[in-house]
Amino acid sequence: MPHKEIKKTIEELKGELQKTEQDTGPFEEILHNAQEGLERYTPEAVQELADALKREAAEFEVEHPRITALINNVMTHLSNLGI
């Protein structure tokens, strides 16, 4: 199930976000809400996640390449789902 892979990657992403000194609280909240939306298959939550990932990837790209890689991984999974 692709949702399982997305949720696993989101958990990895949350772990990496906790290691950074940057304030990632709002982004972590978006990830949490989107994760719950995936469990309920809420298209709005999934789209919110995709939009947030696009915004956040640029912010983390230079200083946090591991976070950027995980964000890109989630975006790839969403793309494979047709989102």
C-alpha atoms as a PDB file:
ATOM      1  CA  MET A   1       0.000   0.000   0.000  1.00  0.00           C
ATOM      2  CA  PRO A   2       1.577   3.303  -1.080  1.00  0.00           C
ATOM      3  CA  HIS A   3       0.079   5.155   1.880  1.00  0.00           C
ATOM      4  CA  LYS A   4       2.140   2.986   4.212  1.00  0.00           C
ATOM      5  CA  GLU A   5       5.357   4.090   2.490  1.00  0.00           C
ATOM      6  CA  ILE A   6       4.321   7.742   2.637  1.00  0.00           C
ATOM      7  CA  LYS A   7       3.524   7.479   6.347  1.00  0.00           C
ATOM      8  CA  LYS A   8       6.873   5.778   7.007  1.00  0.00           C
ATOM      9  CA  THR A   9       8.735   8.525   5.169  1.00  0.00           C
ATOM     10  CA  ILE A  10       6.750  11.209   7.015  1.00  0.00           C
ATOM     11  CA  GLU A  11       7.842   9.646  10.312  1.00  0.00           C
ATOM     12  CA  GLU A  12      11.474   9.743   9.158  1.00  0.00           C
ATOM     13  CA  LEU A  13      10.994  13.355   8.115  1.00  0.00           C
ATOM     14  CA  LYS A  14       9.561  14.258  11.523  1.00  0.00           C
ATOM     15  CA  GLY A  15      12.604  12.678  13.180  1.00  0.00           C
ATOM     16  CA  GLU A  16      14.968  14.730  11.035  1.00  0.00           C
ATOM     17  CA  LEU A  17      12.996  17.917  11.688  1.00  0.00           C
ATOM     18  CA  GLN A  18      13.400  17.404  15.429  1.00  0.00           C
ATOM     19  CA  LYS A  19      17.180  17.362  14.992  1.00  0.00           C
ATOM     20  CA  THR A  20      17.310  20.801  13.384  1.00  0.00           C
ATOM     21  CA  GLU A  21      17.583  24.031  15.334  1.00  0.00           C
ATOM     22  CA  GLN A  22      15.157  25.709  12.960  1.00  0.00           C
ATOM     23  CA  ASP A  23      11.565  26.279  14.130  1.00  0.00           C
ATOM     24  CA  THR A  24       9.728  23.500  12.319  1.00  0.00           C
ATOM     25  CA  GLY A  25       6.602  23.415  14.493  1.00  0.00           C
ATOM     26  CA  PRO A  26       4.173  24.654  11.830  1.00  0.00           C
ATOM     27  CA  PHE A  27       5.572  22.234   9.256  1.00  0.00           C
ATOM     28  CA  GLU A  28       5.418  19.347  11.721  1.00  0.00           C
ATOM     29  CA  GLU A  29       1.758  20.180  12.376  1.00  0.00           C
ATOM     30  CA  ILE A  30       1.048  20.073   8.642  1.00  0.00           C
ATOM     31  CA  LEU A  31       2.760  16.674   8.447  1.00  0.00           C
ATOM     32  CA  HIS A  32       0.713  15.380  11.377  1.00  0.00           C
ATOM     33  CA  ASN A  33      -2.567  16.594   9.858  1.00  0.00           C
ATOM     34  CA  ALA A  34      -1.686  15.196   6.462  1.00  0.00           C
ATOM     35  CA  GLN A  35      -0.741  11.859   7.996  1.00  0.00           C
ATOM     36  CA  GLU A  36      -4.148  11.671   9.644  1.00  0.00           C
ATOM     37  CA  GLY A  37      -5.737  12.661   6.331  1.00  0.00           C
ATOM     38  CA  LEU A  38      -3.933   9.840   4.578  1.00  0.00           C
ATOM     39  CA  GLU A  39      -5.410   7.391   7.066  1.00  0.00           C
ATOM     40  CA  ARG A  40      -8.874   8.694   6.233  1.00  0.00           C
ATOM     41  CA  TYR A  41      -7.981   9.174   2.538  1.00  0.00           C
ATOM     42  CA  THR A  42      -8.898  12.851   2.690  1.00  0.00           C
ATOM     43  CA  PRO A  43      -7.922  14.431  -0.645  1.00  0.00           C
ATOM     44  CA  GLU A  44      -7.741  17.884   0.947  1.00  0.00           C
ATOM     45  CA  ALA A  45      -5.187  16.756   3.529  1.00  0.00           C
ATOM     46  CA  VAL A  46      -3.086  15.040   0.895  1.00  0.00           C
ATOM     47  CA  GLN A  47      -3.145  18.135  -1.324  1.00  0.00           C
ATOM     48  CA  GLU A  48      -2.237  20.302   1.677  1.00  0.00           C
ATOM     49  CA  LEU A  49       0.740  18.027   2.283  1.00  0.00           C
ATOM     50  CA  ALA A  50       1.874  18.273  -1.334  1.00  0.00           C
ATOM     51  CA  ASP A  51       1.632  22.081  -1.280  1.00  0.00           C
ATOM     52  CA  ALA A  52       3.474  22.350   2.050  1.00  0.00           C
ATOM     53  CA  LEU A  53       6.218  20.030   0.847  1.00  0.00           C
ATOM     54  CA  LYS A  54       6.857  22.192  -2.185  1.00  0.00           C
ATOM     55  CA  ARG A  55       7.179  25.294  -0.005  1.00  0.00           C
ATOM     56  CA  GLU A  56       9.337  23.673   2.657  1.00  0.00           C
ATOM     57  CA  ALA A  57      11.710  21.888   0.288  1.00  0.00           C
ATOM     58  CA  ALA A  58      13.159  25.191  -0.859  1.00  0.00           C
ATOM     59  CA  GLU A  59      13.659  26.365   2.732  1.00  0.00           C
ATOM     60  CA  PHE A  60      15.589  23.271   3.824  1.00  0.00           C
ATOM     61  CA  GLU A  61      17.465  22.570   0.590  1.00  0.00           C
ATOM     62  CA  VAL A  62      20.834  24.145   1.405  1.00  0.00           C
ATOM     63  CA  GLU A  63      21.168  23.629   5.162  1.00  0.00           C
ATOM     64  CA  HIS A  64      19.418  20.285   5.557  1.00  0.00           C
ATOM     65  CA  PRO A  65      19.926  17.993   2.547  1.00  0.00           C
ATOM     66  CA  ARG A  66      18.567  14.925   4.413  1.00  0.00           C
ATOM     67  CA  ILE A  67      15.286  16.721   5.124  1.00  0.00           C
ATOM     68  CA  THR A  68      15.102  17.825   1.496  1.00  0.00           C
ATOM     69  CA  ALA A  69      15.674  14.237   0.342  1.00  0.00           C
ATOM     70  CA  LEU A  70      12.848  12.978   2.566  1.00  0.00           C
ATOM     71  CA  ILE A  71      10.529  15.746   1.374  1.00  0.00           C
ATOM     72  CA  ASN A  72      11.301  14.794  -2.217  1.00  0.00           C
ATOM     73  CA  ASN A  73      10.648  11.149  -1.377  1.00  0.00           C
ATOM     74  CA  VAL A  74       7.184  11.957  -0.008  1.00  0.00           C
ATOM     75  CA  MET A  75       6.468  14.092  -3.078  1.00  0.00           C
ATOM     76  CA  THR A  76       7.482  11.180  -5.322  1.00  0.00           C
ATOM     77  CA  HIS A  77       5.109   8.835  -3.477  1.00  0.00           C
ATOM     78  CA  LEU A  78       2.303  11.369  -3.833  1.00  0.00           C
ATOM     79  CA  SER A  79       3.098  11.776  -7.513  1.00  0.00           C
ATOM     80  CA  ASN A  80       2.911   8.014  -7.972  1.00  0.00           C
ATOM     81  CA  LEU A  81      -0.580   8.175  -6.486  1.00  0.00           C
ATOM     82  CA  GLY A  82      -1.528  10.744  -9.114  1.00  0.00           C
ATOM     83  CA  ILE A  83      -1.435  13.735  -6.767  1.00  0.00           C
END
